[in-house]
Each structure stands twice: as C-alpha cells, then as structure tokens.
Amino acid sequence: MTKSDLNGLLRNILRDIEVELKDEFDRNFDRQSFFGEAWKRRKSPVKNGNRAILVDSGTLRRSLRTKRTAKGVSFDYNKDYASIHNEGGNIRVTKRMKRFFWAKYYEASGSFGRRKDGSLRRDRRTIRLVTEAEFWKLMALKPEGSEIRMPKRQFIGDHPKVDEAVKDIIRENVEQFIKDNFGDREEEIVL
C-alpha cells in the first residue's frame, strides 16, 4: 500500500461527503426543516402559509457552493441574505427599504379590482391584494432604524445527522478500500 493509495481513499471519502451532504442540505428545502427541526411558519400575508418557506424563485436553494480541498469539504451559499435566513437575527430598516415597501404597497393597491361605482370588489383576489397592501403599508411606516426580526430557518450547518452521515461515508469507504486491497487475506479486519 502506497501513499497514493491512501490519498485516493481520502479523495473518495471527500467526494462522497461533498455529494451526500450537498444533497441533504438541498433536501432541507423540501422538508421545510433542518433535519426534522421544522422552520417557523410565515406571518406575512404576502407569502401565505401554503407556499414553501425560503423558496420563492429558487435562487437561494440553487446557490449552494462546495469547495473540496486536500483535507476537507466546505459548504457555503453565495447569496448575502443566506446567513440571515440560516442563523436568524434582526434587520435594521433603512431609507432604501422603506422606499421598497412603499413601492410594493402602491403595486398591490393599484391592482385592486373595482366596481363601476369605484368601490372595491369583494372577490378573493381583491381581498388578498388589500391584505397585501396593508402589510406593505405597515412595513413602510416602520421608523427608520427600527428592526425586523427574522426567525432562524437553518438549512445548512452542523447537526448530529451530518456527523452520522460523515461517519457512515468514512466507514463504507474504508471497508471498500480494505476489501479491494486486502480481500484475499483470511484474517478479519474489524473497524
């Protein structure tokens, strides 16, 4: 057995860890939880509770990046807003945010269905838009410098199931390595 054989084993282990954990982190978006720890539901009427949490356009989900080195694998998301969703925290309201909120308010309120006499229709779409417009108006009226609380909705990071998956991958690769390199020997090798 040479050093290159051991380096090959390590490369296989790291490749398998990269593939398996990238897949598991992606499945957290389908599960709407971090390995069974459910994400907090939305309070916003804009994105109702029936839609997937953290999946609007799919950009965050698709932005997972992995980096494999000779000694390990690292996982990261290349979106600035990923960390606030993953870790939770407070977002300070800025002038720019308030302009955005007002724009969303005017967008929603300009789409109201109206009758010929100018009064609002009572159909589902108009009721939803009124609720949405009220939400954006409340957001726009928040004082500059106030904070918006973002709940923790972890989708990547350390977890006992991650450790378990890594251990299983290492064990399987080492067993296969032993079988491939020492399979003809009679003594049993126990891991």
Protein backbone atom coordinates (compact mmCIF):
# COMPACT_ATOMS: atom_id res chain seq x y z
CA MET A 1 0.00 0.00 0.00
CA THR A 2 1.40 3.36 -1.04
CA LYS A 3 0.82 6.94 -0.06
CA SER A 4 -1.08 7.47 -3.31
CA ASP A 5 -3.48 4.64 -2.32
CA LEU A 6 -4.26 6.46 0.92
CA ASN A 7 -4.59 9.78 -0.92
CA GLY A 8 -7.05 8.09 -3.29
CA LEU A 9 -9.06 6.82 -0.31
CA LEU A 10 -9.16 10.33 1.16
CA ARG A 11 -10.25 11.82 -2.20
CA ASN A 12 -13.06 9.26 -2.46
CA ILE A 13 -14.21 9.98 1.09
CA LEU A 14 -14.23 13.75 0.50
CA ARG A 15 -16.03 13.40 -2.84
CA ASP A 16 -18.71 11.20 -1.26
CA ILE A 17 -19.12 13.62 1.67
CA GLU A 18 -19.48 16.53 -0.75
CA VAL A 19 -22.15 14.77 -2.83
CA GLU A 20 -24.12 13.33 0.11
CA LEU A 21 -24.20 16.49 2.25
CA LYS A 22 -24.97 18.78 -0.68
CA ASP A 23 -27.93 16.52 -1.38
CA GLU A 24 -29.03 16.53 2.28
CA PHE A 25 -28.78 20.33 2.58
CA ASP A 26 -30.87 20.67 -0.59
CA ARG A 27 -33.49 18.28 0.81
CA ASN A 28 -33.93 20.59 3.81
CA PHE A 29 -35.80 22.94 1.45
CA ASP A 30 -38.18 20.09 0.52
CA ARG A 31 -38.61 19.08 4.17
CA GLN A 32 -39.14 22.71 5.25
CA SER A 33 -36.92 21.89 8.20
CA PHE A 34 -33.33 21.33 9.24
CA PHE A 35 -33.15 17.55 9.62
CA GLY A 36 -36.58 17.40 11.27
CA GLU A 37 -36.39 20.71 13.19
CA ALA A 38 -39.30 22.48 11.47
CA TRP A 39 -38.87 26.03 10.22
CA LYS A 40 -41.07 28.70 11.76
CA ARG A 41 -44.09 29.46 9.57
CA ARG A 42 -44.53 32.83 7.91
CA LYS A 43 -46.55 35.61 9.49
CA SER A 44 -46.69 37.68 6.33
CA PRO A 45 -49.95 37.64 4.37
CA VAL A 46 -47.88 38.33 1.23
CA LYS A 47 -46.45 34.82 1.13
CA ASN A 48 -49.20 32.71 2.61
CA GLY A 49 -48.59 29.61 4.70
CA ASN A 50 -49.36 27.22 1.84
CA ARG A 51 -46.22 28.09 -0.12
CA ALA A 52 -42.79 26.71 0.57
CA ILE A 53 -40.73 28.68 3.06
CA LEU A 54 -37.46 30.15 1.72
CA VAL A 55 -38.38 29.10 -1.82
CA ASP A 56 -39.70 31.96 -3.92
CA SER A 57 -37.59 31.98 -7.06
CA GLY A 58 -35.31 29.09 -6.02
CA THR A 59 -32.20 31.30 -6.16
CA LEU A 60 -31.19 30.68 -2.54
CA ARG A 61 -31.63 26.94 -2.90
CA ARG A 62 -29.56 26.81 -6.10
CA SER A 63 -26.78 28.97 -4.69
CA LEU A 64 -25.14 26.24 -2.55
CA ARG A 65 -21.43 26.06 -3.31
CA THR A 66 -18.96 23.42 -2.20
CA LYS A 67 -15.21 23.63 -2.03
CA ARG A 68 -13.16 20.48 -1.72
CA THR A 69 -9.54 20.73 -0.62
CA ALA A 70 -6.98 18.01 0.07
CA LYS A 71 -8.10 17.91 3.71
CA GLY A 72 -11.80 18.73 3.76
CA VAL A 73 -15.01 19.98 2.22
CA SER A 74 -16.68 23.31 2.94
CA PHE A 75 -20.24 24.35 2.12
CA ASP A 76 -21.47 27.90 1.63
CA TYR A 77 -24.18 29.90 -0.08
CA ASN A 78 -23.13 32.72 -2.37
CA LYS A 79 -26.09 34.96 -1.51
CA ASP A 80 -25.74 37.77 1.03
CA TYR A 81 -29.16 37.07 2.56
CA ALA A 82 -28.45 33.35 3.14
CA SER A 83 -26.89 33.89 6.57
CA ILE A 84 -29.81 35.90 8.00
CA HIS A 85 -32.21 33.13 6.97
CA ASN A 86 -29.90 30.34 8.17
CA GLU A 87 -28.99 31.92 11.52
CA GLY A 88 -31.85 34.32 12.16
CA GLY A 89 -31.39 37.81 13.54
CA ASN A 90 -32.52 41.39 13.21
CA ILE A 91 -32.55 43.56 10.11
CA ARG A 92 -32.36 47.33 10.58
CA VAL A 93 -34.89 49.27 8.48
CA THR A 94 -33.21 51.73 6.09
CA LYS A 95 -34.49 54.53 3.84
CA ARG A 96 -33.98 52.28 0.84
CA MET A 97 -36.06 49.52 2.43
CA LYS A 98 -38.84 51.99 3.20
CA ARG A 99 -38.88 53.09 -0.48
CA PHE A 100 -39.14 49.42 -1.50
CA PHE A 101 -42.01 48.83 0.94
CA TRP A 102 -43.88 51.88 -0.40
CA ALA A 103 -43.34 50.68 -3.99
CA LYS A 104 -44.77 47.27 -3.08
CA TYR A 105 -47.71 48.98 -1.37
CA TYR A 106 -48.52 51.06 -4.45
CA GLU A 107 -48.08 48.00 -6.68
CA ALA A 108 -50.55 45.98 -4.61
CA SER A 109 -53.05 48.79 -4.06
CA GLY A 110 -53.06 49.77 -7.74
CA SER A 111 -54.21 46.28 -8.67
CA PHE A 112 -57.41 46.31 -6.64
CA GLY A 113 -60.47 45.18 -8.53
CA ARG A 114 -63.05 47.96 -8.57
CA ARG A 115 -66.71 48.15 -9.48
CA LYS A 116 -68.10 50.75 -11.85
CA ASP A 117 -69.01 52.99 -8.90
CA GLY A 118 -65.35 52.92 -7.71
CA SER A 119 -65.88 50.69 -4.68
CA LEU A 120 -63.72 47.64 -4.14
CA ARG A 121 -64.85 44.28 -5.40
CA ARG A 122 -65.37 41.55 -2.82
CA ASP A 123 -63.63 38.78 -4.79
CA ARG A 124 -60.75 36.70 -3.40
CA ARG A 125 -58.07 38.42 -5.46
CA THR A 126 -59.04 41.91 -4.29
CA ILE A 127 -59.30 40.79 -0.66
CA ARG A 128 -55.82 39.21 -0.93
CA LEU A 129 -54.42 42.38 -2.51
CA VAL A 130 -55.97 44.58 0.18
CA THR A 131 -54.34 42.41 2.86
CA GLU A 132 -51.04 42.50 0.98
CA ALA A 133 -51.21 46.29 0.57
CA GLU A 134 -51.92 46.72 4.29
CA PHE A 135 -48.89 44.57 5.11
CA TRP A 136 -46.58 46.64 2.86
CA LYS A 137 -48.00 49.88 4.26
CA LEU A 138 -47.27 48.74 7.83
CA MET A 139 -43.74 47.82 6.77
CA ALA A 140 -43.28 51.19 5.03
CA LEU A 141 -44.48 53.06 8.14
CA LYS A 142 -41.84 51.40 10.34
CA PRO A 143 -39.43 54.03 11.63
CA GLU A 144 -36.04 54.14 10.00
CA GLY A 145 -33.58 52.38 12.30
CA SER A 146 -36.20 50.04 13.79
CA GLU A 147 -35.61 46.33 13.47
CA ILE A 148 -37.36 43.47 11.73
CA ARG A 149 -36.92 40.12 13.48
CA MET A 150 -36.02 37.28 11.13
CA PRO A 151 -36.52 33.81 12.67
CA LYS A 152 -33.83 31.16 12.34
CA ARG A 153 -34.60 28.78 9.48
CA GLN A 154 -31.42 26.76 9.29
CA PHE A 155 -30.80 24.82 6.09
CA ILE A 156 -27.05 24.27 6.27
CA GLY A 157 -24.65 23.63 9.12
CA ASP A 158 -23.60 21.22 11.81
CA HIS A 159 -26.06 18.62 13.09
CA PRO A 160 -25.82 15.12 14.59
CA LYS A 161 -27.25 13.71 11.34
CA VAL A 162 -24.42 15.40 9.42
CA ASP A 163 -21.89 13.78 11.75
CA GLU A 164 -23.65 10.43 11.34
CA ALA A 165 -23.59 10.71 7.52
CA VAL A 166 -19.87 11.58 7.53
CA LYS A 167 -19.08 8.61 9.80
CA ASP A 168 -21.08 6.25 7.55
CA ILE A 169 -19.29 7.52 4.44
CA ILE A 170 -15.88 7.08 6.05
CA ARG A 171 -16.75 3.59 7.28
CA GLU A 172 -18.10 2.47 3.89
CA ASN A 173 -15.09 3.83 2.01
CA VAL A 174 -12.58 2.28 4.41
CA GLU A 175 -14.38 -1.08 4.27
CA GLN A 176 -14.32 -0.96 0.45
CA PHE A 177 -10.64 0.05 0.49
CA ILE A 178 -9.77 -2.88 2.79
CA LYS A 179 -11.80 -5.28 0.65
CA ASP A 180 -10.12 -4.06 -2.55
CA ASN A 181 -6.58 -4.12 -1.11
CA PHE A 182 -6.64 -6.93 1.46
CA GLY A 183 -9.61 -9.04 0.37
CA ASP A 184 -7.56 -12.19 -0.25
CA ARG A 185 -6.31 -12.42 3.33
CA GLU A 186 -8.03 -14.74 5.76
CA GLU A 187 -7.83 -12.68 8.94
CA GLU A 188 -10.77 -10.49 9.66
CA ILE A 189 -10.27 -6.77 9.95
CA VAL A 190 -12.79 -5.14 12.27
CA LEU A 191 -13.48 -1.40 12.15
